Amino acid sequence: MTTVCPDKVEQYTGPRLLDLKAAATYLGLSYWTVRDLVLAGRLPTVKIPRPRSGDGRSIRRILVDRQDLDAFIEHNKEIAA
């Protein structure tokens, strides 16, 4: 991660789509917590179609968009009272 000086916003330079393990690391959570969030519908996933199947099936890997992770963080922020 690199820091942009003017706004002091961290810029992540890794891949946009993350598997559950990488998403967990990005959020600072366990793999199982991120998996539960996906299964509960709280984190959307990205389905990539299989290149050689003409029936619309997707790859078996569960991928999460980094922008959705950032939106999840922003949506769940709390201000201390």
PDB file of N, CA and C in Angstrom:
ATOM      1  N   MET A   1       0.845  -1.182   0.000  1.00  0.00           N
ATOM      2  CA  MET A   1       0.000   0.000   0.000  1.00  0.00           C
ATOM      3  C   MET A   1       0.884   1.237   0.000  1.00  0.00           C
ATOM      4  N   THR A   2       0.471   2.211  -0.765  1.00  0.00           N
ATOM      5  CA  THR A   2       1.186   3.474  -0.796  1.00  0.00           C
ATOM      6  C   THR A   2       0.239   4.576  -0.366  1.00  0.00           C
ATOM      7  N   THR A   3       0.795   5.607   0.179  1.00  0.00           N
ATOM      8  CA  THR A   3      -0.031   6.703   0.676  1.00  0.00           C
ATOM      9  C   THR A   3       0.046   7.880  -0.287  1.00  0.00           C
ATOM     10  N   VAL A   4      -1.101   8.439  -0.636  1.00  0.00           N
ATOM     11  CA  VAL A   4      -1.172   9.627  -1.466  1.00  0.00           C
ATOM     12  C   VAL A   4      -1.157  10.822  -0.523  1.00  0.00           C
ATOM     13  N   CYS A   5      -0.196  11.699  -0.672  1.00  0.00           N
ATOM     14  CA  CYS A   5       0.017  12.791   0.278  1.00  0.00           C
ATOM     15  C   CYS A   5      -1.132  13.796   0.400  1.00  0.00           C
ATOM     16  N   PRO A   6      -1.689  14.331  -0.718  1.00  0.00           N
ATOM     17  CA  PRO A   6      -2.671  15.415  -0.552  1.00  0.00           C
ATOM     18  C   PRO A   6      -3.870  15.044   0.312  1.00  0.00           C
ATOM     19  N   ASP A   7      -4.469  13.914   0.093  1.00  0.00           N
ATOM     20  CA  ASP A   7      -5.663  13.538   0.854  1.00  0.00           C
ATOM     21  C   ASP A   7      -5.357  12.530   1.939  1.00  0.00           C
ATOM     22  N   LYS A   8      -4.141  12.046   1.975  1.00  0.00           N
ATOM     23  CA  LYS A   8      -3.714  11.015   2.926  1.00  0.00           C
ATOM     24  C   LYS A   8      -4.618   9.789   2.842  1.00  0.00           C
ATOM     25  N   VAL A   9      -4.954   9.400   1.613  1.00  0.00           N
ATOM     26  CA  VAL A   9      -5.776   8.228   1.361  1.00  0.00           C
ATOM     27  C   VAL A   9      -4.859   7.106   0.929  1.00  0.00           C
ATOM     28  N   GLU A  10      -4.992   5.936   1.542  1.00  0.00           N
ATOM     29  CA  GLU A  10      -4.170   4.806   1.157  1.00  0.00           C
ATOM     30  C   GLU A  10      -4.655   4.255  -0.170  1.00  0.00           C
ATOM     31  N   GLN A  11      -3.719   3.959  -1.066  1.00  0.00           N
ATOM     32  CA  GLN A  11      -4.036   3.436  -2.378  1.00  0.00           C
ATOM     33  C   GLN A  11      -3.525   2.007  -2.446  1.00  0.00           C
ATOM     34  N   TYR A  12      -4.421   1.058  -2.581  1.00  0.00           N
ATOM     35  CA  TYR A  12      -4.063  -0.350  -2.676  1.00  0.00           C
ATOM     36  C   TYR A  12      -3.742  -0.662  -4.126  1.00  0.00           C
ATOM     37  N   THR A  13      -2.597  -1.265  -4.376  1.00  0.00           N
ATOM     38  CA  THR A  13      -2.168  -1.505  -5.749  1.00  0.00           C
ATOM     39  C   THR A  13      -2.279  -2.967  -6.159  1.00  0.00           C
ATOM     40  N   GLY A  14      -2.896  -3.792  -5.357  1.00  0.00           N
ATOM     41  CA  GLY A  14      -3.042  -5.207  -5.678  1.00  0.00           C
ATOM     42  C   GLY A  14      -4.188  -5.449  -6.648  1.00  0.00           C
ATOM     43  N   PRO A  15      -4.541  -6.714  -6.853  1.00  0.00           N
ATOM     44  CA  PRO A  15      -5.631  -7.036  -7.778  1.00  0.00           C
ATOM     45  C   PRO A  15      -6.975  -6.521  -7.271  1.00  0.00           C
ATOM     46  N   ARG A  16      -7.873  -6.243  -8.206  1.00  0.00           N
ATOM     47  CA  ARG A  16      -9.194  -5.733  -7.824  1.00  0.00           C
ATOM     48  C   ARG A  16     -10.068  -6.839  -7.247  1.00  0.00           C
ATOM     49  N   LEU A  17     -10.016  -8.036  -7.821  1.00  0.00           N
ATOM     50  CA  LEU A  17     -10.808  -9.155  -7.321  1.00  0.00           C
ATOM     51  C   LEU A  17      -9.963  -9.982  -6.372  1.00  0.00           C
ATOM     52  N   LEU A  18     -10.525 -10.241  -5.196  1.00  0.00           N
ATOM     53  CA  LEU A  18      -9.807 -10.967  -4.154  1.00  0.00           C
ATOM     54  C   LEU A  18     -10.554 -12.248  -3.802  1.00  0.00           C
ATOM     55  N   ASP A  19      -9.803 -13.322  -3.545  1.00  0.00           N
ATOM     56  CA  ASP A  19     -10.446 -14.527  -3.023  1.00  0.00           C
ATOM     57  C   ASP A  19     -10.759 -14.284  -1.546  1.00  0.00           C
ATOM     58  N   LEU A  20     -11.421 -15.231  -0.910  1.00  0.00           N
ATOM     59  CA  LEU A  20     -11.855 -15.008   0.471  1.00  0.00           C
ATOM     60  C   LEU A  20     -10.690 -14.810   1.431  1.00  0.00           C
ATOM     61  N   LYS A  21      -9.605 -15.527   1.209  1.00  0.00           N
ATOM     62  CA  LYS A  21      -8.439 -15.389   2.088  1.00  0.00           C
ATOM     63  C   LYS A  21      -7.848 -13.982   1.976  1.00  0.00           C
ATOM     64  N   ALA A  22      -7.680 -13.501   0.734  1.00  0.00           N
ATOM     65  CA  ALA A  22      -7.141 -12.154   0.527  1.00  0.00           C
ATOM     66  C   ALA A  22      -8.114 -11.084   1.021  1.00  0.00           C
ATOM     67  N   ALA A  23      -9.414 -11.311   0.825  1.00  0.00           N
ATOM     68  CA  ALA A  23     -10.421 -10.364   1.317  1.00  0.00           C
ATOM     69  C   ALA A  23     -10.385 -10.288   2.842  1.00  0.00           C
ATOM     70  N   ALA A  24     -10.186 -11.433   3.474  1.00  0.00           N
ATOM     71  CA  ALA A  24     -10.087 -11.460   4.938  1.00  0.00           C
ATOM     72  C   ALA A  24      -8.875 -10.667   5.411  1.00  0.00           C
ATOM     73  N   THR A  25      -7.759 -10.846   4.734  1.00  0.00           N
ATOM     74  CA  THR A  25      -6.555 -10.093   5.078  1.00  0.00           C
ATOM     75  C   THR A  25      -6.782  -8.599   4.870  1.00  0.00           C
ATOM     76  N   TYR A  26      -7.405  -8.230   3.776  1.00  0.00           N
ATOM     77  CA  TYR A  26      -7.695  -6.833   3.460  1.00  0.00           C
ATOM     78  C   TYR A  26      -8.553  -6.188   4.551  1.00  0.00           C
ATOM     79  N   LEU A  27      -9.547  -6.941   5.046  1.00  0.00           N
ATOM     80  CA  LEU A  27     -10.452  -6.416   6.077  1.00  0.00           C
ATOM     81  C   LEU A  27      -9.906  -6.575   7.495  1.00  0.00           C
ATOM     82  N   GLY A  28      -8.884  -7.416   7.648  1.00  0.00           N
ATOM     83  CA  GLY A  28      -8.366  -7.684   8.993  1.00  0.00           C
ATOM     84  C   GLY A  28      -9.260  -8.633   9.765  1.00  0.00           C
ATOM     85  N   LEU A  29      -9.954  -9.512   9.044  1.00  0.00           N
ATOM     86  CA  LEU A  29     -10.856 -10.483   9.646  1.00  0.00           C
ATOM     87  C   LEU A  29     -10.375 -11.892   9.326  1.00  0.00           C
ATOM     88  N   SER A  30     -11.019 -12.882   9.913  1.00  0.00           N
ATOM     89  CA  SER A  30     -10.672 -14.262   9.590  1.00  0.00           C
ATOM     90  C   SER A  30     -11.354 -14.684   8.292  1.00  0.00           C
ATOM     91  N   TYR A  31     -10.807 -15.716   7.676  1.00  0.00           N
ATOM     92  CA  TYR A  31     -11.397 -16.304   6.477  1.00  0.00           C
ATOM     93  C   TYR A  31     -12.850 -16.690   6.739  1.00  0.00           C
ATOM     94  N   TRP A  32     -13.093 -17.301   7.894  1.00  0.00           N
ATOM     95  CA  TRP A  32     -14.425 -17.811   8.225  1.00  0.00           C
ATOM     96  C   TRP A  32     -15.432 -16.681   8.407  1.00  0.00           C
ATOM     97  N   THR A  33     -15.004 -15.563   8.954  1.00  0.00           N
ATOM     98  CA  THR A  33     -15.905 -14.422   9.117  1.00  0.00           C
ATOM     99  C   THR A  33     -16.307 -13.865   7.757  1.00  0.00           C
ATOM    100  N   VAL A  34     -15.330 -13.713   6.843  1.00  0.00           N
ATOM    101  CA  VAL A  34     -15.634 -13.211   5.503  1.00  0.00           C
ATOM    102  C   VAL A  34     -16.533 -14.198   4.769  1.00  0.00           C
ATOM    103  N   ARG A  35     -16.267 -15.476   4.912  1.00  0.00           N
ATOM    104  CA  ARG A  35     -17.102 -16.513   4.290  1.00  0.00           C
ATOM    105  C   ARG A  35     -18.538 -16.397   4.794  1.00  0.00           C
ATOM    106  N   ASP A  36     -18.701 -16.220   6.104  1.00  0.00           N
ATOM    107  CA  ASP A  36     -20.044 -16.071   6.684  1.00  0.00           C
ATOM    108  C   ASP A  36     -20.741 -14.808   6.168  1.00  0.00           C
ATOM    109  N   LEU A  37     -20.002 -13.713   6.003  1.00  0.00           N
ATOM    110  CA  LEU A  37     -20.576 -12.482   5.473  1.00  0.00           C
ATOM    111  C   LEU A  37     -21.058 -12.675   4.037  1.00  0.00           C
ATOM    112  N   VAL A  38     -20.286 -13.436   3.251  1.00  0.00           N
ATOM    113  CA  VAL A  38     -20.686 -13.721   1.869  1.00  0.00           C
ATOM    114  C   VAL A  38     -21.934 -14.598   1.862  1.00  0.00           C
ATOM    115  N   LEU A  39     -21.930 -15.665   2.650  1.00  0.00           N
ATOM    116  CA  LEU A  39     -23.074 -16.583   2.681  1.00  0.00           C
ATOM    117  C   LEU A  39     -24.345 -15.918   3.204  1.00  0.00           C
ATOM    118  N   ALA A  40     -24.176 -14.914   4.075  1.00  0.00           N
ATOM    119  CA  ALA A  40     -25.329 -14.185   4.611  1.00  0.00           C
ATOM    120  C   ALA A  40     -25.813 -13.097   3.657  1.00  0.00           C
ATOM    121  N   GLY A  41     -25.083 -12.873   2.553  1.00  0.00           N
ATOM    122  CA  GLY A  41     -25.478 -11.851   1.602  1.00  0.00           C
ATOM    123  C   GLY A  41     -25.036 -10.451   1.970  1.00  0.00           C
ATOM    124  N   ARG A  42     -24.166 -10.321   2.940  1.00  0.00           N
ATOM    125  CA  ARG A  42     -23.700  -8.995   3.367  1.00  0.00           C
ATOM    126  C   ARG A  42     -22.556  -8.479   2.501  1.00  0.00           C
ATOM    127  N   LEU A  43     -21.831  -9.401   1.838  1.00  0.00           N
ATOM    128  CA  LEU A  43     -20.769  -9.040   0.895  1.00  0.00           C
ATOM    129  C   LEU A  43     -21.103  -9.655  -0.453  1.00  0.00           C
ATOM    130  N   PRO A  44     -21.209  -8.855  -1.501  1.00  0.00           N
ATOM    131  CA  PRO A  44     -21.498  -9.425  -2.828  1.00  0.00           C
ATOM    132  C   PRO A  44     -20.267 -10.118  -3.407  1.00  0.00           C
ATOM    133  N   THR A  45     -20.499 -11.087  -4.278  1.00  0.00           N
ATOM    134  CA  THR A  45     -19.404 -11.786  -4.942  1.00  0.00           C
ATOM    135  C   THR A  45     -19.472 -11.530  -6.444  1.00  0.00           C
ATOM    136  N   VAL A  46     -18.368 -11.813  -7.107  1.00  0.00           N
ATOM    137  CA  VAL A  46     -18.271 -11.654  -8.554  1.00  0.00           C
ATOM    138  C   VAL A  46     -18.178 -13.044  -9.165  1.00  0.00           C
ATOM    139  N   LYS A  47     -19.058 -13.322 -10.124  1.00  0.00           N
ATOM    140  CA  LYS A  47     -19.037 -14.612 -10.798  1.00  0.00           C
ATOM    141  C   LYS A  47     -18.382 -14.451 -12.160  1.00  0.00           C
ATOM    142  N   ILE A  48     -17.303 -15.168 -12.378  1.00  0.00           N
ATOM    143  CA  ILE A  48     -16.577 -15.138 -13.642  1.00  0.00           C
ATOM    144  C   ILE A  48     -17.009 -16.365 -14.445  1.00  0.00           C
ATOM    145  N   PRO A  49     -17.493 -16.175 -15.676  1.00  0.00           N
ATOM    146  CA  PRO A  49     -17.927 -17.336 -16.468  1.00  0.00           C
ATOM    147  C   PRO A  49     -16.743 -18.207 -16.870  1.00  0.00           C
ATOM    148  N   ARG A  50     -17.000 -19.512 -16.955  1.00  0.00           N
ATOM    149  CA  ARG A  50     -15.960 -20.433 -17.421  1.00  0.00           C
ATOM    150  C   ARG A  50     -15.719 -20.152 -18.900  1.00  0.00           C
ATOM    151  N   PRO A  51     -14.451 -20.063 -19.291  1.00  0.00           N
ATOM    152  CA  PRO A  51     -14.161 -19.688 -20.675  1.00  0.00           C
ATOM    153  C   PRO A  51     -14.630 -20.713 -21.705  1.00  0.00           C
ATOM    154  N   ARG A  52     -14.598 -21.991 -21.372  1.00  0.00           N
ATOM    155  CA  ARG A  52     -14.905 -23.011 -22.375  1.00  0.00           C
ATOM    156  C   ARG A  52     -16.273 -23.655 -22.204  1.00  0.00           C
ATOM    157  N   SER A  53     -17.038 -23.199 -21.252  1.00  0.00           N
ATOM    158  CA  SER A  53     -18.365 -23.795 -21.101  1.00  0.00           C
ATOM    159  C   SER A  53     -19.395 -22.847 -21.703  1.00  0.00           C
ATOM    160  N   GLY A  54     -20.217 -23.387 -22.560  1.00  0.00           N
ATOM    161  CA  GLY A  54     -21.228 -22.564 -23.204  1.00  0.00           C
ATOM    162  C   GLY A  54     -22.533 -22.536 -22.457  1.00  0.00           C
ATOM    163  N   ASP A  55     -22.571 -23.137 -21.265  1.00  0.00           N
ATOM    164  CA  ASP A  55     -23.829 -23.234 -20.530  1.00  0.00           C
ATOM    165  C   ASP A  55     -23.983 -22.171 -19.445  1.00  0.00           C
ATOM    166  N   GLY A  56     -23.082 -21.199 -19.394  1.00  0.00           N
ATOM    167  CA  GLY A  56     -23.224 -20.108 -18.435  1.00  0.00           C
ATOM    168  C   GLY A  56     -22.697 -20.402 -17.047  1.00  0.00           C
ATOM    169  N   ARG A  57     -22.062 -21.560 -16.854  1.00  0.00           N
ATOM    170  CA  ARG A  57     -21.514 -21.861 -15.535  1.00  0.00           C
ATOM    171  C   ARG A  57     -20.346 -20.931 -15.223  1.00  0.00           C
ATOM    172  N   SER A  58     -20.150 -20.671 -13.939  1.00  0.00           N
ATOM    173  CA  SER A  58     -19.049 -19.801 -13.526  1.00  0.00           C
ATOM    174  C   SER A  58     -17.957 -20.640 -12.870  1.00  0.00           C
ATOM    175  N   ILE A  59     -16.784 -20.021 -12.714  1.00  0.00           N
ATOM    176  CA  ILE A  59     -15.700 -20.716 -12.040  1.00  0.00           C
ATOM    177  C   ILE A  59     -16.099 -20.952 -10.583  1.00  0.00           C
ATOM    178  N   ARG A  60     -15.502 -21.940  -9.972  1.00  0.00           N
ATOM    179  CA  ARG A  60     -15.903 -22.313  -8.612  1.00  0.00           C
ATOM    180  C   ARG A  60     -15.316 -21.400  -7.547  1.00  0.00           C
ATOM    181  N   ARG A  61     -14.369 -20.585  -7.900  1.00  0.00           N
ATOM    182  CA  ARG A  61     -13.699 -19.717  -6.941  1.00  0.00           C
ATOM    183  C   ARG A  61     -14.608 -18.553  -6.552  1.00  0.00           C
ATOM    184  N   ILE A  62     -14.674 -18.258  -5.263  1.00  0.00           N
ATOM    185  CA  ILE A  62     -15.472 -17.130  -4.785  1.00  0.00           C
ATOM    186  C   ILE A  62     -14.575 -15.898  -4.770  1.00  0.00           C
ATOM    187  N   LEU A  63     -14.983 -14.870  -5.516  1.00  0.00           N
ATOM    188  CA  LEU A  63     -14.209 -13.642  -5.611  1.00  0.00           C
ATOM    189  C   LEU A  63     -15.028 -12.458  -5.116  1.00  0.00           C
ATOM    190  N   VAL A  64     -14.342 -11.523  -4.474  1.00  0.00           N
ATOM    191  CA  VAL A  64     -14.983 -10.328  -3.938  1.00  0.00           C
ATOM    192  C   VAL A  64     -14.267  -9.118  -4.528  1.00  0.00           C
ATOM    193  N   ASP A  65     -15.046  -8.140  -4.965  1.00  0.00           N
ATOM    194  CA  ASP A  65     -14.495  -6.905  -5.525  1.00  0.00           C
ATOM    195  C   ASP A  65     -13.969  -6.036  -4.377  1.00  0.00           C
ATOM    196  N   ARG A  66     -12.776  -5.532  -4.521  1.00  0.00           N
ATOM    197  CA  ARG A  66     -12.161  -4.685  -3.502  1.00  0.00           C
ATOM    198  C   ARG A  66     -13.007  -3.442  -3.239  1.00  0.00           C
ATOM    199  N   GLN A  67     -13.666  -2.915  -4.272  1.00  0.00           N
ATOM    200  CA  GLN A  67     -14.526  -1.743  -4.084  1.00  0.00           C
ATOM    201  C   GLN A  67     -15.730  -2.078  -3.201  1.00  0.00           C
ATOM    202  N   ASP A  68     -16.227  -3.313  -3.299  1.00  0.00           N
ATOM    203  CA  ASP A  68     -17.320  -3.738  -2.418  1.00  0.00           C
ATOM    204  C   ASP A  68     -16.838  -3.849  -0.973  1.00  0.00           C
ATOM    205  N   LEU A  69     -15.580  -4.252  -0.789  1.00  0.00           N
ATOM    206  CA  LEU A  69     -15.018  -4.310   0.557  1.00  0.00           C
ATOM    207  C   LEU A  69     -14.900  -2.905   1.143  1.00  0.00           C
ATOM    208  N   ASP A  70     -14.463  -1.957   0.312  1.00  0.00           N
ATOM    209  CA  ASP A  70     -14.372  -0.573   0.780  1.00  0.00           C
ATOM    210  C   ASP A  70     -15.758  -0.012   1.130  1.00  0.00           C
ATOM    211  N   ALA A  71     -16.754  -0.339   0.300  1.00  0.00           N
ATOM    212  CA  ALA A  71     -18.127   0.107   0.574  1.00  0.00           C
ATOM    213  C   ALA A  71     -18.645  -0.538   1.860  1.00  0.00           C
ATOM    214  N   PHE A  72     -18.308  -1.794   2.088  1.00  0.00           N
ATOM    215  CA  PHE A  72     -18.706  -2.496   3.309  1.00  0.00           C
ATOM    216  C   PHE A  72     -18.116  -1.796   4.537  1.00  0.00           C
ATOM    217  N   ILE A  73     -16.850  -1.413   4.426  1.00  0.00           N
ATOM    218  CA  ILE A  73     -16.200  -0.698   5.530  1.00  0.00           C
ATOM    219  C   ILE A  73     -16.909   0.626   5.796  1.00  0.00           C
ATOM    220  N   GLU A  74     -17.139   1.411   4.747  1.00  0.00           N
ATOM    221  CA  GLU A  74     -17.789   2.712   4.902  1.00  0.00           C
ATOM    222  C   GLU A  74     -19.195   2.577   5.484  1.00  0.00           C
ATOM    223  N   HIS A  75     -19.929   1.568   5.037  1.00  0.00           N
ATOM    224  CA  HIS A  75     -21.303   1.356   5.504  1.00  0.00           C
ATOM    225  C   HIS A  75     -21.359   0.956   6.976  1.00  0.00           C
ATOM    226  N   ASN A  76     -20.315   0.301   7.454  1.00  0.00           N
ATOM    227  CA  ASN A  76     -20.329  -0.216   8.827  1.00  0.00           C
ATOM    228  C   ASN A  76     -19.513   0.606   9.805  1.00  0.00           C
ATOM    229  N   LYS A  77     -19.116   1.796   9.432  1.00  0.00           N
ATOM    230  CA  LYS A  77     -18.400   2.667  10.361  1.00  0.00           C
ATOM    231  C   LYS A  77     -19.358   3.185  11.424  1.00  0.00           C
ATOM    232  N   GLU A  78     -18.838   3.313  12.621  1.00  0.00           N
ATOM    233  CA  GLU A  78     -19.619   3.877  13.729  1.00  0.00           C
ATOM    234  C   GLU A  78     -18.863   5.040  14.338  1.00  0.00           C
ATOM    235  N   ILE A  79     -19.601   6.034  14.765  1.00  0.00           N
ATOM    236  CA  ILE A  79     -18.998   7.170  15.457  1.00  0.00           C
ATOM    237  C   ILE A  79     -19.190   6.948  16.953  1.00  0.00           C
ATOM    238  N   ALA A  80     -18.087   7.066  17.687  1.00  0.00           N
ATOM    239  CA  ALA A  80     -18.161   6.845  19.136  1.00  0.00           C
ATOM    240  C   ALA A  80     -19.004   7.934  19.793  1.00  0.00           C
ATOM    241  N   ALA A  81     -19.818   7.488  20.716  1.00  0.00           N
ATOM    242  CA  ALA A  81     -20.693   8.447  21.404  1.00  0.00           C
ATOM    243  C   ALA A  81     -20.030   9.010  22.639  1.00  0.00           C
TER     244      ALA A  81
END
